[in-house]
Amino acid sequence: MTLAIDAHGLNKSFGGKHVVNDVSIQVEAGRICGFLGPNGSGKTTTLRLLCGLLTPDSGSGTALGFDIIADADHVKRRTGYMTQKFSLYEDLTIAENLQFSARVHGLDRRRERVDAALERLGLASRRGQLAGTLSGGWKQRLALATATLHEPQLLLLDEPTAGVDPKARRTFWDEIHALAAEGLTVLVSTHYMDEAERCHEIAYIS
């Protein structure tokens, strides 16, 4: 068994508030792991610790074989992260958001990658539409396209379908399974039990 995530005893506090308390988690490569827990249990902070965006106060771990503290930059380059809140530029078009992301990542074949992402997620016909005018489901597709544009090996999704209609949620999950079938490892936090049932395994944080 190859572990894409292997973390032990992670702790993180903010201003005296112990947000992540002794969390350990392992996720096998190529699997979809659902990350469940009540609001305020530390799911988002844990995801950010695992992808190198935050440094734990104590504990250790690896992601894709890289140390999440010492090799945080290597982890970030190989990880896609989709935040709970839509965080792209609403005054740019769908295509412009993807092109901007491609430049930030320093990707080659930018036009080719953007066109492929638009086709894959059914966004090609809307490429000139401003992101701010999209519905929740279409914003979610754009966010997923951006998070996977640099072809990451690990994808972290923070409650990606919150507030999205059931049809769009099903479409999104079909795409997640297609990505996992290609070898991508996915850790997804969710409150929806029907979504948890579509995961290969479940991790619970209390």
N, C-alpha and C. Protein backbone atom coordinates (compact mmCIF):
# COMPACT_ATOMS: atom_id res chain seq x y z
N MET A 1 0.85 -1.20 0.00
CA MET A 1 0.00 0.00 0.00
C MET A 1 0.88 1.25 0.00
N THR A 2 0.66 2.11 -0.97
CA THR A 2 1.38 3.38 -1.05
C THR A 2 0.51 4.48 -0.44
N LEU A 3 1.03 5.20 0.52
CA LEU A 3 0.27 6.26 1.19
C LEU A 3 0.55 7.60 0.53
N ALA A 4 -0.51 8.27 0.08
CA ALA A 4 -0.37 9.62 -0.45
C ALA A 4 -0.30 10.62 0.70
N ILE A 5 -0.99 10.32 1.79
CA ILE A 5 -0.97 11.15 3.01
C ILE A 5 -0.66 10.25 4.20
N ASP A 6 0.28 10.67 5.01
CA ASP A 6 0.63 9.91 6.22
C ASP A 6 1.04 10.92 7.29
N ALA A 7 0.10 11.31 8.13
CA ALA A 7 0.34 12.36 9.13
C ALA A 7 0.00 11.86 10.52
N HIS A 8 0.77 12.32 11.50
CA HIS A 8 0.61 11.84 12.87
C HIS A 8 0.72 12.98 13.88
N GLY A 9 -0.24 13.04 14.80
CA GLY A 9 -0.18 13.96 15.92
C GLY A 9 -0.13 15.43 15.56
N LEU A 10 -0.88 15.83 14.53
CA LEU A 10 -0.87 17.23 14.11
C LEU A 10 -1.62 18.10 15.10
N ASN A 11 -1.01 19.22 15.47
CA ASN A 11 -1.63 20.20 16.35
C ASN A 11 -1.47 21.59 15.76
N LYS A 12 -2.50 22.42 15.92
CA LYS A 12 -2.43 23.81 15.48
C LYS A 12 -3.34 24.66 16.33
N SER A 13 -2.78 25.75 16.86
CA SER A 13 -3.56 26.70 17.67
C SER A 13 -3.48 28.09 17.05
N PHE A 14 -4.54 28.86 17.25
CA PHE A 14 -4.59 30.25 16.82
C PHE A 14 -5.04 31.09 18.02
N GLY A 15 -4.17 31.97 18.49
CA GLY A 15 -4.53 32.85 19.59
C GLY A 15 -5.03 32.13 20.82
N GLY A 16 -4.40 31.02 21.15
CA GLY A 16 -4.80 30.27 22.33
C GLY A 16 -5.92 29.28 22.11
N LYS A 17 -6.53 29.28 20.91
CA LYS A 17 -7.60 28.32 20.59
C LYS A 17 -6.99 27.12 19.88
N HIS A 18 -7.14 25.95 20.48
CA HIS A 18 -6.57 24.71 19.94
C HIS A 18 -7.50 24.19 18.84
N VAL A 19 -7.15 24.47 17.60
CA VAL A 19 -8.06 24.20 16.47
C VAL A 19 -7.92 22.76 15.97
N VAL A 20 -6.68 22.29 15.84
CA VAL A 20 -6.43 20.90 15.44
C VAL A 20 -5.72 20.22 16.60
N ASN A 21 -6.33 19.15 17.10
CA ASN A 21 -5.85 18.53 18.34
C ASN A 21 -5.43 17.08 18.09
N ASP A 22 -4.13 16.87 17.91
CA ASP A 22 -3.55 15.52 17.84
C ASP A 22 -4.20 14.68 16.74
N VAL A 23 -4.28 15.23 15.53
CA VAL A 23 -4.92 14.55 14.40
C VAL A 23 -3.91 13.67 13.66
N SER A 24 -4.30 12.44 13.41
CA SER A 24 -3.51 11.51 12.59
C SER A 24 -4.41 11.00 11.47
N ILE A 25 -3.86 10.92 10.25
CA ILE A 25 -4.64 10.47 9.11
C ILE A 25 -3.73 9.85 8.07
N GLN A 26 -4.22 8.78 7.46
CA GLN A 26 -3.52 8.14 6.36
C GLN A 26 -4.50 7.95 5.21
N VAL A 27 -4.05 8.25 4.00
CA VAL A 27 -4.88 8.07 2.81
C VAL A 27 -4.05 7.34 1.76
N GLU A 28 -4.59 6.25 1.27
CA GLU A 28 -3.90 5.45 0.27
C GLU A 28 -3.94 6.16 -1.09
N ALA A 29 -2.86 6.06 -1.85
CA ALA A 29 -2.78 6.69 -3.17
C ALA A 29 -3.88 6.15 -4.09
N GLY A 30 -4.49 7.05 -4.86
CA GLY A 30 -5.52 6.66 -5.81
C GLY A 30 -6.89 6.45 -5.22
N ARG A 31 -7.07 6.80 -3.95
CA ARG A 31 -8.36 6.60 -3.27
C ARG A 31 -9.06 7.94 -3.07
N ILE A 32 -10.37 7.86 -2.88
CA ILE A 32 -11.17 9.03 -2.50
C ILE A 32 -11.53 8.85 -1.04
N CYS A 33 -11.03 9.72 -0.20
CA CYS A 33 -11.28 9.65 1.24
C CYS A 33 -12.19 10.79 1.66
N GLY A 34 -13.33 10.46 2.25
CA GLY A 34 -14.23 11.47 2.77
C GLY A 34 -13.78 11.90 4.16
N PHE A 35 -13.80 13.19 4.40
CA PHE A 35 -13.33 13.76 5.67
C PHE A 35 -14.53 14.40 6.35
N LEU A 36 -15.04 13.73 7.38
CA LEU A 36 -16.28 14.16 8.03
C LEU A 36 -16.01 14.70 9.42
N GLY A 37 -16.89 15.59 9.86
CA GLY A 37 -16.80 16.14 11.19
C GLY A 37 -17.67 17.37 11.29
N PRO A 38 -18.10 17.74 12.50
CA PRO A 38 -18.97 18.90 12.69
C PRO A 38 -18.25 20.21 12.38
N ASN A 39 -19.02 21.27 12.21
CA ASN A 39 -18.42 22.60 12.02
C ASN A 39 -17.52 22.93 13.20
N GLY A 40 -16.36 23.52 12.90
CA GLY A 40 -15.45 23.92 13.96
C GLY A 40 -14.57 22.82 14.49
N SER A 41 -14.61 21.64 13.85
CA SER A 41 -13.81 20.51 14.35
C SER A 41 -12.38 20.53 13.82
N GLY A 42 -12.09 21.42 12.88
CA GLY A 42 -10.72 21.56 12.40
C GLY A 42 -10.45 20.96 11.03
N LYS A 43 -11.50 20.66 10.27
CA LYS A 43 -11.31 20.03 8.95
C LYS A 43 -10.51 20.93 8.01
N THR A 44 -10.92 22.18 7.88
CA THR A 44 -10.26 23.10 6.95
C THR A 44 -8.80 23.32 7.34
N THR A 45 -8.55 23.53 8.62
CA THR A 45 -7.18 23.75 9.09
C THR A 45 -6.32 22.51 8.83
N THR A 46 -6.90 21.32 9.04
CA THR A 46 -6.16 20.09 8.77
C THR A 46 -5.78 19.98 7.30
N LEU A 47 -6.72 20.30 6.41
CA LEU A 47 -6.42 20.27 4.97
C LEU A 47 -5.27 21.22 4.64
N ARG A 48 -5.28 22.39 5.24
CA ARG A 48 -4.22 23.37 4.96
C ARG A 48 -2.88 22.94 5.54
N LEU A 49 -2.90 22.21 6.64
CA LEU A 49 -1.65 21.66 7.18
C LEU A 49 -1.08 20.60 6.25
N LEU A 50 -1.97 19.78 5.68
CA LEU A 50 -1.52 18.67 4.84
C LEU A 50 -0.93 19.12 3.51
N CYS A 51 -1.36 20.27 3.01
CA CYS A 51 -0.86 20.71 1.71
C CYS A 51 0.21 21.79 1.81
N GLY A 52 0.68 22.07 3.03
CA GLY A 52 1.80 23.00 3.17
C GLY A 52 1.43 24.46 3.26
N LEU A 53 0.13 24.77 3.31
CA LEU A 53 -0.29 26.17 3.43
C LEU A 53 -0.13 26.69 4.86
N LEU A 54 -0.22 25.78 5.83
CA LEU A 54 0.00 26.12 7.23
C LEU A 54 1.05 25.17 7.81
N THR A 55 1.77 25.62 8.81
CA THR A 55 2.77 24.79 9.48
C THR A 55 2.22 24.35 10.83
N PRO A 56 2.21 23.06 11.12
CA PRO A 56 1.70 22.59 12.41
C PRO A 56 2.59 23.05 13.57
N ASP A 57 1.97 23.25 14.74
CA ASP A 57 2.74 23.58 15.95
C ASP A 57 3.54 22.37 16.41
N SER A 58 2.98 21.18 16.19
CA SER A 58 3.68 19.94 16.51
C SER A 58 3.08 18.83 15.66
N GLY A 59 3.76 17.69 15.66
CA GLY A 59 3.33 16.59 14.83
C GLY A 59 4.17 16.53 13.56
N SER A 60 3.92 15.53 12.75
CA SER A 60 4.70 15.34 11.53
C SER A 60 3.84 14.67 10.48
N GLY A 61 4.33 14.69 9.25
CA GLY A 61 3.59 14.02 8.20
C GLY A 61 4.24 14.16 6.85
N THR A 62 3.80 13.32 5.94
CA THR A 62 4.23 13.41 4.55
C THR A 62 3.02 13.45 3.65
N ALA A 63 3.17 14.12 2.52
CA ALA A 63 2.17 14.12 1.46
C ALA A 63 2.92 13.85 0.16
N LEU A 64 2.51 12.79 -0.53
CA LEU A 64 3.17 12.38 -1.77
C LEU A 64 4.65 12.09 -1.55
N GLY A 65 4.98 11.65 -0.33
CA GLY A 65 6.35 11.31 -0.01
C GLY A 65 7.21 12.46 0.45
N PHE A 66 6.66 13.67 0.45
CA PHE A 66 7.41 14.85 0.88
C PHE A 66 6.97 15.28 2.28
N ASP A 67 7.92 15.74 3.07
CA ASP A 67 7.63 16.22 4.41
C ASP A 67 6.78 17.48 4.33
N ILE A 68 5.65 17.51 5.04
CA ILE A 68 4.72 18.64 4.92
C ILE A 68 5.28 19.93 5.53
N ILE A 69 6.36 19.83 6.31
CA ILE A 69 6.99 21.02 6.89
C ILE A 69 8.24 21.40 6.09
N ALA A 70 9.20 20.49 6.03
CA ALA A 70 10.47 20.79 5.37
C ALA A 70 10.33 20.93 3.86
N ASP A 71 9.40 20.19 3.26
CA ASP A 71 9.24 20.20 1.80
C ASP A 71 7.90 20.77 1.39
N ALA A 72 7.41 21.77 2.13
CA ALA A 72 6.07 22.32 1.87
C ALA A 72 5.92 22.81 0.43
N ASP A 73 6.95 23.43 -0.13
CA ASP A 73 6.86 23.94 -1.50
C ASP A 73 6.67 22.81 -2.50
N HIS A 74 7.36 21.69 -2.29
CA HIS A 74 7.20 20.53 -3.18
C HIS A 74 5.78 19.99 -3.08
N VAL A 75 5.22 19.96 -1.87
CA VAL A 75 3.86 19.47 -1.67
C VAL A 75 2.87 20.38 -2.39
N LYS A 76 3.03 21.69 -2.22
CA LYS A 76 2.09 22.64 -2.83
C LYS A 76 2.07 22.54 -4.35
N ARG A 77 3.24 22.32 -4.95
CA ARG A 77 3.32 22.24 -6.41
C ARG A 77 2.61 21.01 -6.95
N ARG A 78 2.47 19.97 -6.14
CA ARG A 78 1.88 18.72 -6.60
C ARG A 78 0.47 18.49 -6.08
N THR A 79 -0.09 19.52 -5.43
CA THR A 79 -1.40 19.40 -4.82
C THR A 79 -2.37 20.42 -5.40
N GLY A 80 -3.60 19.98 -5.62
CA GLY A 80 -4.67 20.90 -5.99
C GLY A 80 -5.54 21.13 -4.76
N TYR A 81 -5.93 22.38 -4.53
CA TYR A 81 -6.72 22.70 -3.32
C TYR A 81 -7.90 23.55 -3.73
N MET A 82 -9.09 23.08 -3.42
CA MET A 82 -10.32 23.81 -3.73
C MET A 82 -10.96 24.26 -2.43
N THR A 83 -11.03 25.56 -2.24
CA THR A 83 -11.55 26.12 -0.99
C THR A 83 -13.08 26.04 -0.95
N GLN A 84 -13.61 26.15 0.26
CA GLN A 84 -15.06 26.10 0.44
C GLN A 84 -15.73 27.30 -0.22
N LYS A 85 -15.12 28.47 -0.08
CA LYS A 85 -15.67 29.69 -0.67
C LYS A 85 -15.05 29.91 -2.04
N PHE A 86 -15.88 30.27 -3.02
CA PHE A 86 -15.37 30.53 -4.37
C PHE A 86 -14.33 31.64 -4.29
N SER A 87 -13.12 31.35 -4.74
CA SER A 87 -12.01 32.26 -4.50
C SER A 87 -11.32 32.73 -5.78
N LEU A 88 -12.01 32.58 -6.92
CA LEU A 88 -11.43 33.05 -8.18
C LEU A 88 -11.92 34.47 -8.47
N TYR A 89 -11.41 35.03 -9.57
CA TYR A 89 -11.72 36.43 -9.89
C TYR A 89 -13.05 36.52 -10.63
N GLU A 90 -14.03 37.15 -9.98
CA GLU A 90 -15.37 37.19 -10.55
C GLU A 90 -15.47 38.17 -11.72
N ASP A 91 -14.52 39.10 -11.83
CA ASP A 91 -14.55 40.05 -12.94
C ASP A 91 -13.70 39.59 -14.13
N LEU A 92 -13.19 38.35 -14.07
CA LEU A 92 -12.52 37.73 -15.21
C LEU A 92 -13.43 36.65 -15.79
N THR A 93 -13.23 36.34 -17.07
CA THR A 93 -14.01 35.26 -17.68
C THR A 93 -13.49 33.91 -17.19
N ILE A 94 -14.23 32.88 -17.53
CA ILE A 94 -13.80 31.52 -17.19
C ILE A 94 -12.41 31.25 -17.76
N ALA A 95 -12.23 31.53 -19.04
CA ALA A 95 -10.94 31.26 -19.69
C ALA A 95 -9.83 32.11 -19.08
N GLU A 96 -10.12 33.37 -18.77
CA GLU A 96 -9.10 34.24 -18.19
C GLU A 96 -8.66 33.76 -16.81
N ASN A 97 -9.59 33.26 -16.02
CA ASN A 97 -9.22 32.70 -14.72
C ASN A 97 -8.28 31.52 -14.87
N LEU A 98 -8.58 30.65 -15.81
CA LEU A 98 -7.72 29.48 -16.05
C LEU A 98 -6.35 29.90 -16.59
N GLN A 99 -6.34 30.88 -17.50
CA GLN A 99 -5.07 31.36 -18.05
C GLN A 99 -4.22 31.99 -16.96
N PHE A 100 -4.86 32.73 -16.07
CA PHE A 100 -4.12 33.34 -14.95
C PHE A 100 -3.51 32.27 -14.05
N SER A 101 -4.30 31.24 -13.73
CA SER A 101 -3.81 30.15 -12.90
C SER A 101 -2.63 29.44 -13.57
N ALA A 102 -2.73 29.24 -14.88
CA ALA A 102 -1.65 28.57 -15.62
C ALA A 102 -0.36 29.38 -15.54
N ARG A 103 -0.48 30.71 -15.60
CA ARG A 103 0.72 31.57 -15.51
C ARG A 103 1.29 31.54 -14.09
N VAL A 104 0.43 31.56 -13.09
CA VAL A 104 0.88 31.50 -11.69
C VAL A 104 1.69 30.23 -11.45
N HIS A 105 1.23 29.11 -12.01
CA HIS A 105 1.92 27.84 -11.84
C HIS A 105 3.12 27.68 -12.77
N GLY A 106 3.30 28.66 -13.68
CA GLY A 106 4.42 28.58 -14.61
C GLY A 106 4.31 27.40 -15.57
N LEU A 107 3.09 27.07 -15.98
CA LEU A 107 2.87 25.90 -16.82
C LEU A 107 3.27 26.14 -18.27
N ASP A 108 3.75 25.09 -18.91
CA ASP A 108 3.97 25.16 -20.36
C ASP A 108 2.65 24.80 -21.05
N ARG A 109 2.60 24.92 -22.36
CA ARG A 109 1.41 24.57 -23.15
C ARG A 109 0.13 25.15 -22.52
N ARG A 110 0.20 26.42 -22.14
CA ARG A 110 -0.91 27.02 -21.39
C ARG A 110 -2.22 26.99 -22.17
N ARG A 111 -2.19 27.41 -23.42
CA ARG A 111 -3.43 27.44 -24.22
C ARG A 111 -4.03 26.04 -24.35
N GLU A 112 -3.15 25.07 -24.61
CA GLU A 112 -3.60 23.68 -24.76
C GLU A 112 -4.21 23.16 -23.47
N ARG A 113 -3.57 23.43 -22.34
CA ARG A 113 -4.08 22.97 -21.05
C ARG A 113 -5.43 23.61 -20.72
N VAL A 114 -5.53 24.91 -20.96
CA VAL A 114 -6.79 25.62 -20.68
C VAL A 114 -7.92 25.08 -21.54
N ASP A 115 -7.66 24.89 -22.84
CA ASP A 115 -8.69 24.36 -23.74
C ASP A 115 -9.14 22.97 -23.31
N ALA A 116 -8.17 22.13 -22.88
CA ALA A 116 -8.50 20.77 -22.44
C ALA A 116 -9.35 20.79 -21.18
N ALA A 117 -9.02 21.69 -20.25
CA ALA A 117 -9.79 21.80 -19.00
C ALA A 117 -11.21 22.28 -19.28
N LEU A 118 -11.35 23.23 -20.20
CA LEU A 118 -12.67 23.74 -20.56
C LEU A 118 -13.54 22.63 -21.16
N GLU A 119 -12.93 21.82 -22.04
CA GLU A 119 -13.67 20.73 -22.66
C GLU A 119 -14.06 19.68 -21.63
N ARG A 120 -13.10 19.32 -20.79
CA ARG A 120 -13.32 18.23 -19.84
C ARG A 120 -14.49 18.52 -18.91
N LEU A 121 -14.59 19.75 -18.45
CA LEU A 121 -15.63 20.08 -17.46
C LEU A 121 -16.83 20.79 -18.08
N GLY A 122 -16.94 20.69 -19.40
CA GLY A 122 -18.13 21.23 -20.06
C GLY A 122 -18.24 22.74 -20.02
N LEU A 123 -17.09 23.42 -19.96
CA LEU A 123 -17.08 24.88 -19.83
C LEU A 123 -16.77 25.61 -21.14
N ALA A 124 -16.48 24.85 -22.20
CA ALA A 124 -15.99 25.46 -23.45
C ALA A 124 -16.98 26.48 -24.02
N SER A 125 -18.26 26.16 -23.97
CA SER A 125 -19.26 27.06 -24.55
C SER A 125 -19.46 28.33 -23.73
N ARG A 126 -18.94 28.33 -22.50
CA ARG A 126 -19.09 29.48 -21.61
C ARG A 126 -17.75 30.19 -21.36
N ARG A 127 -16.73 29.87 -22.13
CA ARG A 127 -15.38 30.34 -21.85
C ARG A 127 -15.29 31.86 -21.72
N GLY A 128 -16.16 32.59 -22.42
CA GLY A 128 -16.13 34.05 -22.39
C GLY A 128 -17.04 34.66 -21.33
N GLN A 129 -17.69 33.83 -20.53
CA GLN A 129 -18.62 34.32 -19.51
C GLN A 129 -17.86 34.74 -18.25
N LEU A 130 -18.28 35.86 -17.67
CA LEU A 130 -17.64 36.33 -16.43
C LEU A 130 -17.93 35.34 -15.30
N ALA A 131 -16.92 35.04 -14.52
CA ALA A 131 -17.07 34.07 -13.44
C ALA A 131 -18.12 34.51 -12.43
N GLY A 132 -18.24 35.81 -12.21
CA GLY A 132 -19.19 36.32 -11.23
C GLY A 132 -20.65 36.11 -11.61
N THR A 133 -20.91 35.80 -12.88
CA THR A 133 -22.30 35.61 -13.33
C THR A 133 -22.70 34.14 -13.33
N LEU A 134 -21.78 33.25 -12.93
CA LEU A 134 -22.07 31.82 -12.96
C LEU A 134 -22.91 31.39 -11.76
N SER A 135 -23.70 30.33 -11.94
CA SER A 135 -24.43 29.74 -10.82
C SER A 135 -23.45 28.96 -9.94
N GLY A 136 -23.92 28.50 -8.79
CA GLY A 136 -23.05 27.76 -7.87
C GLY A 136 -22.43 26.53 -8.50
N GLY A 137 -23.23 25.79 -9.27
CA GLY A 137 -22.72 24.57 -9.89
C GLY A 137 -21.64 24.84 -10.92
N TRP A 138 -21.81 25.91 -11.72
CA TRP A 138 -20.80 26.26 -12.74
C TRP A 138 -19.55 26.84 -12.10
N LYS A 139 -19.72 27.60 -11.02
CA LYS A 139 -18.54 28.10 -10.30
C LYS A 139 -17.72 26.94 -9.75
N GLN A 140 -18.43 25.93 -9.27
CA GLN A 140 -17.77 24.74 -8.73
C GLN A 140 -16.96 24.04 -9.82
N ARG A 141 -17.51 23.93 -11.01
CA ARG A 141 -16.79 23.31 -12.13
C ARG A 141 -15.53 24.12 -12.47
N LEU A 142 -15.68 25.44 -12.49
CA LEU A 142 -14.52 26.29 -12.78
C LEU A 142 -13.45 26.13 -11.71
N ALA A 143 -13.87 26.09 -10.45
CA ALA A 143 -12.90 25.93 -9.35
C ALA A 143 -12.17 24.59 -9.46
N LEU A 144 -12.90 23.54 -9.85
CA LEU A 144 -12.28 22.22 -10.01
C LEU A 144 -11.31 22.23 -11.19
N ALA A 145 -11.70 22.88 -12.27
CA ALA A 145 -10.81 22.99 -13.43
C ALA A 145 -9.52 23.70 -13.05
N THR A 146 -9.62 24.75 -12.25
CA THR A 146 -8.45 25.51 -11.82
C THR A 146 -7.57 24.68 -10.89
N ALA A 147 -8.19 23.94 -9.98
CA ALA A 147 -7.44 23.15 -8.99
C ALA A 147 -6.71 21.98 -9.63
N THR A 148 -7.15 21.54 -10.81
CA THR A 148 -6.53 20.38 -11.46
C THR A 148 -5.76 20.75 -12.72
N LEU A 149 -5.67 22.04 -13.02
CA LEU A 149 -5.03 22.49 -14.26
C LEU A 149 -3.56 22.08 -14.34
N HIS A 150 -2.87 22.09 -13.20
CA HIS A 150 -1.44 21.76 -13.19
C HIS A 150 -1.19 20.26 -12.99
N GLU A 151 -2.25 19.46 -13.19
CA GLU A 151 -2.17 18.00 -13.12
C GLU A 151 -1.56 17.52 -11.81
N PRO A 152 -2.21 17.87 -10.68
CA PRO A 152 -1.69 17.46 -9.37
C PRO A 152 -1.84 15.97 -9.14
N GLN A 153 -1.09 15.46 -8.17
CA GLN A 153 -1.20 14.05 -7.77
C GLN A 153 -2.14 13.89 -6.57
N LEU A 154 -2.38 14.99 -5.87
CA LEU A 154 -3.24 14.99 -4.69
C LEU A 154 -4.22 16.15 -4.81
N LEU A 155 -5.50 15.88 -4.53
CA LEU A 155 -6.53 16.91 -4.61
C LEU A 155 -7.24 17.01 -3.27
N LEU A 156 -7.22 18.21 -2.67
CA LEU A 156 -7.89 18.46 -1.40
C LEU A 156 -9.10 19.36 -1.67
N LEU A 157 -10.27 18.89 -1.27
CA LEU A 157 -11.52 19.60 -1.53
C LEU A 157 -12.21 19.92 -0.22
N ASP A 158 -12.45 21.20 0.04
CA ASP A 158 -13.04 21.63 1.30
C ASP A 158 -14.52 21.94 1.11
N GLU A 159 -15.36 20.96 1.46
CA GLU A 159 -16.82 21.09 1.29
C GLU A 159 -17.16 21.70 -0.07
N PRO A 160 -16.74 21.05 -1.15
CA PRO A 160 -16.84 21.65 -2.48
C PRO A 160 -18.24 21.82 -3.01
N THR A 161 -19.22 21.07 -2.48
CA THR A 161 -20.56 21.14 -3.04
C THR A 161 -21.56 21.82 -2.11
N ALA A 162 -21.08 22.52 -1.10
CA ALA A 162 -21.99 23.22 -0.18
C ALA A 162 -22.82 24.25 -0.96
N GLY A 163 -24.13 24.17 -0.84
CA GLY A 163 -25.01 25.13 -1.48
C GLY A 163 -25.23 24.91 -2.96
N VAL A 164 -24.82 23.74 -3.48
CA VAL A 164 -24.97 23.44 -4.90
C VAL A 164 -26.14 22.47 -5.09
N ASP A 165 -26.89 22.62 -6.18
CA ASP A 165 -28.07 21.78 -6.38
C ASP A 165 -27.69 20.32 -6.62
N PRO A 166 -28.62 19.39 -6.34
CA PRO A 166 -28.30 17.95 -6.40
C PRO A 166 -27.76 17.48 -7.74
N LYS A 167 -28.29 17.99 -8.85
CA LYS A 167 -27.82 17.55 -10.17
C LYS A 167 -26.36 17.95 -10.37
N ALA A 168 -26.03 19.19 -9.99
CA ALA A 168 -24.64 19.66 -10.13
C ALA A 168 -23.71 18.87 -9.22
N ARG A 169 -24.20 18.50 -8.03
CA ARG A 169 -23.39 17.69 -7.11
C ARG A 169 -23.07 16.34 -7.71
N ARG A 170 -24.07 15.71 -8.34
CA ARG A 170 -23.84 14.40 -8.95
C ARG A 170 -22.82 14.50 -10.08
N THR A 171 -22.94 15.53 -10.91
CA THR A 171 -22.00 15.73 -12.01
C THR A 171 -20.59 15.93 -11.48
N PHE A 172 -20.48 16.71 -10.40
CA PHE A 172 -19.18 16.96 -9.79
C PHE A 172 -18.56 15.66 -9.31
N TRP A 173 -19.34 14.82 -8.64
CA TRP A 173 -18.82 13.57 -8.11
C TRP A 173 -18.45 12.57 -9.20
N ASP A 174 -19.17 12.59 -10.29
CA ASP A 174 -18.78 11.76 -11.43
C ASP A 174 -17.39 12.14 -11.91
N GLU A 175 -17.11 13.44 -11.93
CA GLU A 175 -15.79 13.91 -12.37
C GLU A 175 -14.71 13.53 -11.35
N ILE A 176 -15.03 13.60 -10.06
CA ILE A 176 -14.06 13.21 -9.03
C ILE A 176 -13.68 11.73 -9.19
N HIS A 177 -14.67 10.89 -9.44
CA HIS A 177 -14.37 9.47 -9.63
C HIS A 177 -13.57 9.23 -10.90
N ALA A 178 -13.82 10.02 -11.94
CA ALA A 178 -13.04 9.89 -13.18
C ALA A 178 -11.58 10.26 -12.92
N LEU A 179 -11.35 11.29 -12.13
CA LEU A 179 -9.99 11.71 -11.80
C LEU A 179 -9.28 10.64 -10.95
N ALA A 180 -10.00 10.08 -9.99
CA ALA A 180 -9.41 9.05 -9.14
C ALA A 180 -9.06 7.81 -9.95
N ALA A 181 -9.88 7.51 -10.95
CA ALA A 181 -9.62 6.34 -11.80
C ALA A 181 -8.32 6.52 -12.59
N GLU A 182 -7.90 7.78 -12.77
CA GLU A 182 -6.64 8.07 -13.47
C GLU A 182 -5.46 8.10 -12.51
N GLY A 183 -5.72 7.85 -11.21
CA GLY A 183 -4.64 7.76 -10.24
C GLY A 183 -4.55 8.91 -9.26
N LEU A 184 -5.43 9.90 -9.39
CA LEU A 184 -5.41 11.04 -8.47
C LEU A 184 -5.94 10.62 -7.09
N THR A 185 -5.28 11.08 -6.03
CA THR A 185 -5.75 10.84 -4.66
C THR A 185 -6.59 12.04 -4.23
N VAL A 186 -7.74 11.79 -3.63
CA VAL A 186 -8.67 12.87 -3.26
C VAL A 186 -9.02 12.77 -1.78
N LEU A 187 -8.87 13.88 -1.08
CA LEU A 187 -9.36 14.00 0.30
C LEU A 187 -10.40 15.10 0.30
N VAL A 188 -11.65 14.76 0.61
CA VAL A 188 -12.75 15.71 0.47
C VAL A 188 -13.55 15.80 1.76
N SER A 189 -13.67 17.01 2.29
CA SER A 189 -14.52 17.21 3.46
C SER A 189 -15.95 17.45 2.99
N THR A 190 -16.90 16.88 3.69
CA THR A 190 -18.30 17.01 3.28
C THR A 190 -19.22 16.83 4.48
N HIS A 191 -20.41 17.43 4.37
CA HIS A 191 -21.44 17.24 5.37
C HIS A 191 -22.55 16.33 4.85
N TYR A 192 -22.46 15.98 3.56
CA TYR A 192 -23.53 15.21 2.93
C TYR A 192 -23.26 13.71 3.03
N MET A 193 -24.19 12.98 3.63
CA MET A 193 -23.98 11.55 3.81
C MET A 193 -24.02 10.80 2.47
N ASP A 194 -24.83 11.27 1.51
CA ASP A 194 -24.86 10.60 0.22
C ASP A 194 -23.51 10.75 -0.50
N GLU A 195 -22.81 11.87 -0.25
CA GLU A 195 -21.49 12.05 -0.82
C GLU A 195 -20.47 11.16 -0.10
N ALA A 196 -20.62 11.05 1.21
CA ALA A 196 -19.71 10.19 1.97
C ALA A 196 -19.78 8.75 1.47
N GLU A 197 -20.97 8.32 1.06
CA GLU A 197 -21.15 6.96 0.56
C GLU A 197 -20.43 6.73 -0.76
N ARG A 198 -20.12 7.80 -1.49
CA ARG A 198 -19.43 7.68 -2.77
C ARG A 198 -17.90 7.65 -2.60
N CYS A 199 -17.43 7.81 -1.37
CA CYS A 199 -15.99 7.76 -1.11
C CYS A 199 -15.56 6.30 -0.90
N HIS A 200 -14.27 6.04 -1.15
CA HIS A 200 -13.74 4.69 -0.91
C HIS A 200 -13.58 4.42 0.57
N GLU A 201 -13.32 5.47 1.34
CA GLU A 201 -13.12 5.33 2.78
C GLU A 201 -13.47 6.65 3.46
N ILE A 202 -13.60 6.58 4.77
CA ILE A 202 -14.02 7.74 5.56
C ILE A 202 -13.03 8.00 6.70
N ALA A 203 -12.70 9.27 6.89
CA ALA A 203 -11.96 9.70 8.09
C ALA A 203 -12.86 10.64 8.85
N TYR A 204 -12.93 10.48 10.17
CA TYR A 204 -13.82 11.30 10.98
C TYR A 204 -13.02 12.08 12.01
N ILE A 205 -13.29 13.38 12.10
CA ILE A 205 -12.64 14.22 13.10
C ILE A 205 -13.70 14.73 14.05
N SER A 206 -13.45 14.62 15.34
CA SER A 206 -14.44 15.00 16.34
C SER A 206 -14.04 16.32 16.98
